[in-house]
Every structure is written in C-alpha cells, then in structure tokens.
N, C-alpha and C. Protein backbone atom coordinates (compact mmCIF):
# COMPACT_ATOMS: atom_id res chain seq x y z
N MET A 1 91.09 63.95 176.40
CA MET A 1 92.46 64.39 176.26
C MET A 1 93.02 64.12 174.87
N GLY A 2 92.45 63.20 174.16
CA GLY A 2 92.99 62.84 172.86
C GLY A 2 92.63 63.83 171.78
N GLY A 3 91.84 64.83 172.04
CA GLY A 3 91.36 65.86 171.12
C GLY A 3 92.13 66.07 169.85
N MET A 4 93.08 67.01 169.83
CA MET A 4 93.77 67.39 168.59
C MET A 4 94.99 66.52 168.31
N MET A 5 95.46 65.76 169.24
CA MET A 5 96.69 65.02 169.05
C MET A 5 96.49 63.67 168.36
N ASN A 6 95.35 63.09 168.47
CA ASN A 6 95.06 61.80 167.85
C ASN A 6 96.03 60.71 168.26
N GLY A 7 96.68 60.84 169.36
CA GLY A 7 97.53 59.79 169.88
C GLY A 7 98.93 59.72 169.32
N ASN A 8 99.25 60.42 168.22
CA ASN A 8 100.59 60.32 167.67
C ASN A 8 101.49 61.48 168.07
N GLY A 9 100.97 62.49 168.71
CA GLY A 9 101.79 63.59 169.19
C GLY A 9 102.13 64.64 168.16
N MET A 10 101.69 64.51 166.92
CA MET A 10 102.04 65.48 165.89
C MET A 10 100.82 66.16 165.28
N GLY A 11 99.67 65.76 165.62
CA GLY A 11 98.47 66.36 165.06
C GLY A 11 98.18 65.80 163.67
N SER A 12 97.09 66.25 163.08
CA SER A 12 96.76 65.75 161.74
C SER A 12 96.14 66.88 160.94
N GLY A 13 96.79 68.02 160.93
CA GLY A 13 96.25 69.21 160.31
C GLY A 13 96.19 69.19 158.80
N PHE A 14 97.26 68.93 158.11
CA PHE A 14 97.35 69.08 156.66
C PHE A 14 97.13 67.73 155.99
N PHE A 15 95.87 67.41 155.66
CA PHE A 15 95.51 66.16 155.00
C PHE A 15 96.08 64.94 155.72
N GLY A 16 96.13 64.97 157.03
CA GLY A 16 96.62 63.84 157.78
C GLY A 16 98.13 63.80 157.95
N PHE A 17 98.87 64.70 157.33
CA PHE A 17 100.33 64.71 157.44
C PHE A 17 100.79 65.30 158.77
N GLY A 18 100.07 66.25 159.28
CA GLY A 18 100.49 66.93 160.49
C GLY A 18 101.52 68.00 160.18
N VAL A 19 102.09 68.55 161.22
CA VAL A 19 103.05 69.65 161.08
C VAL A 19 104.31 69.18 160.37
N ILE A 20 104.82 68.03 160.73
CA ILE A 20 106.05 67.51 160.12
C ILE A 20 105.85 67.27 158.62
N GLY A 21 104.73 66.71 158.25
CA GLY A 21 104.44 66.48 156.84
C GLY A 21 104.35 67.77 156.06
N PHE A 22 103.73 68.77 156.66
CA PHE A 22 103.62 70.08 156.01
C PHE A 22 105.00 70.69 155.79
N ILE A 23 105.87 70.60 156.80
CA ILE A 23 107.23 71.13 156.68
C ILE A 23 108.00 70.39 155.58
N ILE A 24 107.83 69.09 155.49
CA ILE A 24 108.51 68.31 154.45
C ILE A 24 108.04 68.71 153.06
N VAL A 25 106.74 68.89 152.88
CA VAL A 25 106.19 69.30 151.58
C VAL A 25 106.74 70.67 151.19
N VAL A 26 106.74 71.62 152.12
CA VAL A 26 107.26 72.96 151.84
C VAL A 26 108.75 72.89 151.50
N ALA A 27 109.50 72.09 152.23
CA ALA A 27 110.94 71.95 151.97
C ALA A 27 111.19 71.39 150.58
N ILE A 28 110.42 70.40 150.16
CA ILE A 28 110.59 69.81 148.83
C ILE A 28 110.30 70.85 147.75
N ILE A 29 109.25 71.63 147.94
CA ILE A 29 108.91 72.67 146.96
C ILE A 29 110.03 73.70 146.87
N LEU A 30 110.55 74.13 148.02
CA LEU A 30 111.64 75.12 148.02
C LEU A 30 112.91 74.58 147.38
N ILE A 31 113.21 73.32 147.60
CA ILE A 31 114.40 72.71 146.99
C ILE A 31 114.25 72.65 145.48
N VAL A 32 113.08 72.28 144.99
CA VAL A 32 112.85 72.23 143.54
C VAL A 32 113.00 73.61 142.93
N ILE A 33 112.43 74.62 143.56
CA ILE A 33 112.56 75.99 143.06
C ILE A 33 114.02 76.42 143.06
N TRP A 34 114.74 76.12 144.13
CA TRP A 34 116.15 76.50 144.24
C TRP A 34 117.00 75.81 143.17
N MET A 35 116.69 74.54 142.88
CA MET A 35 117.47 73.80 141.88
C MET A 35 117.23 74.33 140.47
N MET A 36 116.04 74.84 140.20
CA MET A 36 115.72 75.33 138.86
C MET A 36 116.30 76.72 138.62
N LYS A 37 116.47 77.50 139.66
CA LYS A 37 116.90 78.88 139.53
C LYS A 37 118.28 79.06 138.89
N PRO A 38 119.33 78.36 139.33
CA PRO A 38 120.66 78.56 138.74
C PRO A 38 120.72 78.27 137.25
N LYS A 39 119.94 77.31 136.79
CA LYS A 39 119.97 76.97 135.37
C LYS A 39 119.54 78.14 134.50
N SER A 40 118.47 78.79 134.85
CA SER A 40 117.98 79.90 134.05
C SER A 40 118.90 81.10 134.14
N SER A 41 119.45 81.37 135.32
CA SER A 41 120.34 82.52 135.46
C SER A 41 121.66 82.28 134.76
N GLN A 42 122.10 81.02 134.69
CA GLN A 42 123.34 80.70 134.00
C GLN A 42 123.19 80.94 132.51
N LYS A 43 122.04 80.59 131.93
CA LYS A 43 121.82 80.81 130.51
C LYS A 43 121.79 82.30 130.18
N SER A 44 121.12 83.08 130.99
CA SER A 44 121.06 84.51 130.73
C SER A 44 122.42 85.16 130.94
N SER A 45 123.17 84.65 131.90
CA SER A 45 124.51 85.17 132.15
C SER A 45 125.41 84.91 130.94
N ASN A 46 125.33 83.73 130.37
CA ASN A 46 126.11 83.37 129.19
C ASN A 46 125.70 84.25 128.01
N SER A 47 124.42 84.48 127.85
CA SER A 47 123.92 85.33 126.77
C SER A 47 124.42 86.77 126.94
N ASP A 48 124.39 87.27 128.16
CA ASP A 48 124.89 88.62 128.44
C ASP A 48 126.38 88.71 128.13
N SER A 49 127.13 87.67 128.45
CA SER A 49 128.57 87.66 128.18
C SER A 49 128.84 87.69 126.69
N LEU A 50 128.05 86.93 125.93
CA LEU A 50 128.24 86.95 124.47
C LEU A 50 127.89 88.31 123.88
N ASP A 51 126.86 88.95 124.41
CA ASP A 51 126.50 90.29 123.95
C ASP A 51 127.62 91.29 124.22
N THR A 52 128.21 91.19 125.41
CA THR A 52 129.33 92.07 125.76
C THR A 52 130.51 91.82 124.83
N LEU A 53 130.76 90.55 124.55
CA LEU A 53 131.86 90.18 123.66
C LEU A 53 131.63 90.75 122.25
N LYS A 54 130.40 90.67 121.76
CA LYS A 54 130.07 91.23 120.44
C LYS A 54 130.27 92.74 120.41
N LYS A 55 129.89 93.41 121.48
CA LYS A 55 130.06 94.87 121.55
C LYS A 55 131.54 95.24 121.56
N ARG A 56 132.35 94.45 122.27
CA ARG A 56 133.79 94.73 122.31
C ARG A 56 134.42 94.56 120.93
N LEU A 57 133.95 93.56 120.18
CA LEU A 57 134.44 93.36 118.82
C LEU A 57 134.02 94.53 117.94
N ALA A 58 132.76 94.93 118.06
CA ALA A 58 132.25 96.03 117.24
C ALA A 58 132.97 97.34 117.55
N ASN A 59 133.36 97.54 118.80
CA ASN A 59 134.06 98.77 119.19
C ASN A 59 135.55 98.72 118.90
N GLY A 60 136.03 97.58 118.41
CA GLY A 60 137.44 97.45 118.07
C GLY A 60 138.33 97.19 119.28
N GLU A 61 137.75 96.80 120.40
CA GLU A 61 138.53 96.54 121.61
C GLU A 61 139.27 95.21 121.54
N ILE A 62 138.73 94.25 120.76
CA ILE A 62 139.37 92.95 120.61
C ILE A 62 139.39 92.58 119.13
N SER A 63 140.33 91.70 118.78
CA SER A 63 140.43 91.25 117.38
C SER A 63 139.44 90.12 117.13
N GLU A 64 139.26 89.77 115.86
CA GLU A 64 138.36 88.67 115.51
C GLU A 64 138.87 87.34 116.06
N ASP A 65 140.18 87.15 116.03
CA ASP A 65 140.75 85.91 116.58
C ASP A 65 140.48 85.80 118.08
N GLU A 66 140.65 86.91 118.80
CA GLU A 66 140.39 86.89 120.23
C GLU A 66 138.89 86.68 120.51
N TYR A 67 138.05 87.28 119.67
CA TYR A 67 136.60 87.10 119.79
C TYR A 67 136.23 85.62 119.64
N ASP A 68 136.78 84.98 118.59
CA ASP A 68 136.49 83.56 118.35
C ASP A 68 136.96 82.69 119.51
N ARG A 69 138.15 82.98 120.02
CA ARG A 69 138.70 82.20 121.13
C ARG A 69 137.81 82.34 122.39
N LEU A 70 137.43 83.57 122.71
CA LEU A 70 136.62 83.80 123.90
C LEU A 70 135.19 83.25 123.74
N ARG A 71 134.64 83.37 122.54
CA ARG A 71 133.29 82.84 122.28
C ARG A 71 133.27 81.33 122.48
N LYS A 72 134.29 80.64 121.99
CA LYS A 72 134.36 79.19 122.16
C LYS A 72 134.44 78.82 123.64
N LYS A 73 135.18 79.60 124.41
CA LYS A 73 135.26 79.34 125.86
C LYS A 73 133.91 79.53 126.53
N LEU A 74 133.20 80.56 126.14
CA LEU A 74 131.90 80.84 126.76
C LEU A 74 130.86 79.78 126.41
N GLU A 75 130.97 79.21 125.23
CA GLU A 75 129.98 78.22 124.77
C GLU A 75 130.22 76.83 125.33
N GLN A 76 131.33 76.60 126.02
CA GLN A 76 131.62 75.28 126.59
C GLN A 76 130.72 74.98 127.73
C-alpha cells in the first residue's frame, strides 16, 4: 500500500519535492517573471512618451518651455 505515497501523503515526483514542491517552484518562477515585466514596460513607455513629446515640439504643438517642463516631469 505504501507504493507511490511513501508515507507522507504527497508523493515524491519532482526530485523528492512532490506535487506541493513543484507548485511552489512554479509559483516562484512566475512571481519573478511578473516582477521583472513592469520594469521593462515602464522604461519603454517613458521612452515612447519622450518621443511623442519631441514630435509635438517639432510640429509646433507645444512651446520649448512647455517641452522642457513636461520632459522634466517624465524623467522623474
């Protein structure tokens, strides 16, 4: 009767960790990926905003003073 359970009730499939250990490892990996994602998207978002701001200045939609003020806000 002790076959696959090994007496602890959770099995020992993934290098002795069992199902619970496997779920914990996957959760840690997903959390690390999730934490890294916003940082990279935030940088590209800021870069896109500065590009838009430069285009608005070039098209005459905003003055140089307004450009400088908005650029400083974006760089904070």
